[in-house]
């Protein structure tokens, strides 16, 4: 979809979505890069808080499993 990018937080950072007030998933999500909300996400890209990635289900699942394992291990 034009005007949107697949964004993921930089490793080790928590980035809050200003609309939902929830943290951006480590697996990433589609976010607007145009309009009022797009300004916020473009700033996060510039400051290095988020990275533009490709939607890759396989790597997202692997990343989530690693995170779940870390949480279980405490």
Protein backbone atom coordinates (compact mmCIF):
# COMPACT_ATOMS: atom_id res chain seq x y z
CA UNK A 1 0.00 0.00 0.00
CA UNK A 2 1.43 3.35 -1.00
CA UNK A 3 2.17 5.72 1.86
CA UNK A 4 2.93 2.92 4.29
CA UNK A 5 6.09 1.09 5.29
CA UNK A 6 6.73 -2.07 7.24
CA UNK A 7 8.51 -0.84 10.37
CA UNK A 8 10.26 -2.73 13.14
CA UNK A 9 11.77 -1.33 16.33
CA UNK A 10 15.56 -1.29 16.52
CA UNK A 11 16.85 -4.23 18.55
CA UNK A 12 16.60 -3.49 22.26
CA UNK A 13 14.25 -0.51 21.93
CA UNK A 14 10.59 -0.09 22.74
CA UNK A 15 8.77 2.31 20.45
CA UNK A 16 5.25 3.38 21.35
CA UNK A 17 2.59 3.88 18.70
CA UNK A 18 1.09 7.30 19.42
CA UNK A 19 -2.33 6.27 18.15
CA UNK A 20 -2.79 2.99 20.06
CA UNK A 21 -0.42 3.80 22.97
CA UNK A 22 0.95 0.25 22.65
CA UNK A 23 4.51 -0.70 21.85
CA UNK A 24 5.36 -1.53 18.25
CA UNK A 25 5.68 -5.30 17.92
CA UNK A 26 9.20 -6.65 17.57
CA UNK A 27 7.94 -8.53 14.53
CA UNK A 28 7.01 -5.19 12.96
CA UNK A 29 3.85 -3.67 11.54
CA UNK A 30 2.63 -1.59 8.63
CA UNK A 31 2.61 2.10 9.59
CA UNK A 32 1.73 5.25 7.62
CA UNK A 33 4.57 7.39 6.32
CA UNK A 34 2.44 10.21 4.92
CA UNK A 35 0.07 12.63 6.63
CA UNK A 36 0.02 13.64 10.28
CA UNK A 37 0.78 10.16 11.66
CA UNK A 38 3.39 9.65 8.96
CA UNK A 39 5.44 12.53 10.35
CA UNK A 40 5.84 10.68 13.64
CA UNK A 41 7.01 7.49 11.95
CA UNK A 42 9.36 9.32 9.58
CA UNK A 43 11.01 10.95 12.62
CA UNK A 44 11.44 7.51 14.22
CA UNK A 45 13.09 6.26 11.02
CA UNK A 46 15.44 9.29 10.93
CA UNK A 47 16.45 8.99 14.58
CA UNK A 48 17.08 5.25 14.19
CA UNK A 49 14.39 4.06 16.61
CA UNK A 50 12.71 2.00 13.91
CA UNK A 51 14.00 0.34 10.77
CA UNK A 52 12.23 -0.17 7.49
CA UNK A 53 12.01 -3.85 6.74
CA UNK A 54 10.28 -6.33 4.53
CA UNK A 55 7.31 -8.25 5.74
CA UNK A 56 8.85 -11.67 6.23
CA UNK A 57 6.57 -14.04 8.09
CA UNK A 58 9.21 -16.71 8.59
CA UNK A 59 11.73 -14.41 10.28
CA UNK A 60 8.96 -12.74 12.29
CA UNK A 61 7.89 -16.10 13.71
CA UNK A 62 11.49 -16.99 14.54
CA UNK A 63 11.99 -13.62 16.26
CA UNK A 64 8.81 -14.06 18.32
CA UNK A 65 9.83 -17.56 19.39
CA UNK A 66 13.21 -16.26 20.58
CA UNK A 67 11.47 -13.51 22.54
CA UNK A 68 9.04 -15.99 24.11
CA UNK A 69 11.96 -18.24 25.07
CA UNK A 70 13.75 -15.32 26.76
CA UNK A 71 10.59 -14.41 28.67
CA UNK A 72 10.08 -18.00 29.88
CA UNK A 73 13.71 -18.26 30.98
CA UNK A 74 13.28 -15.02 32.93
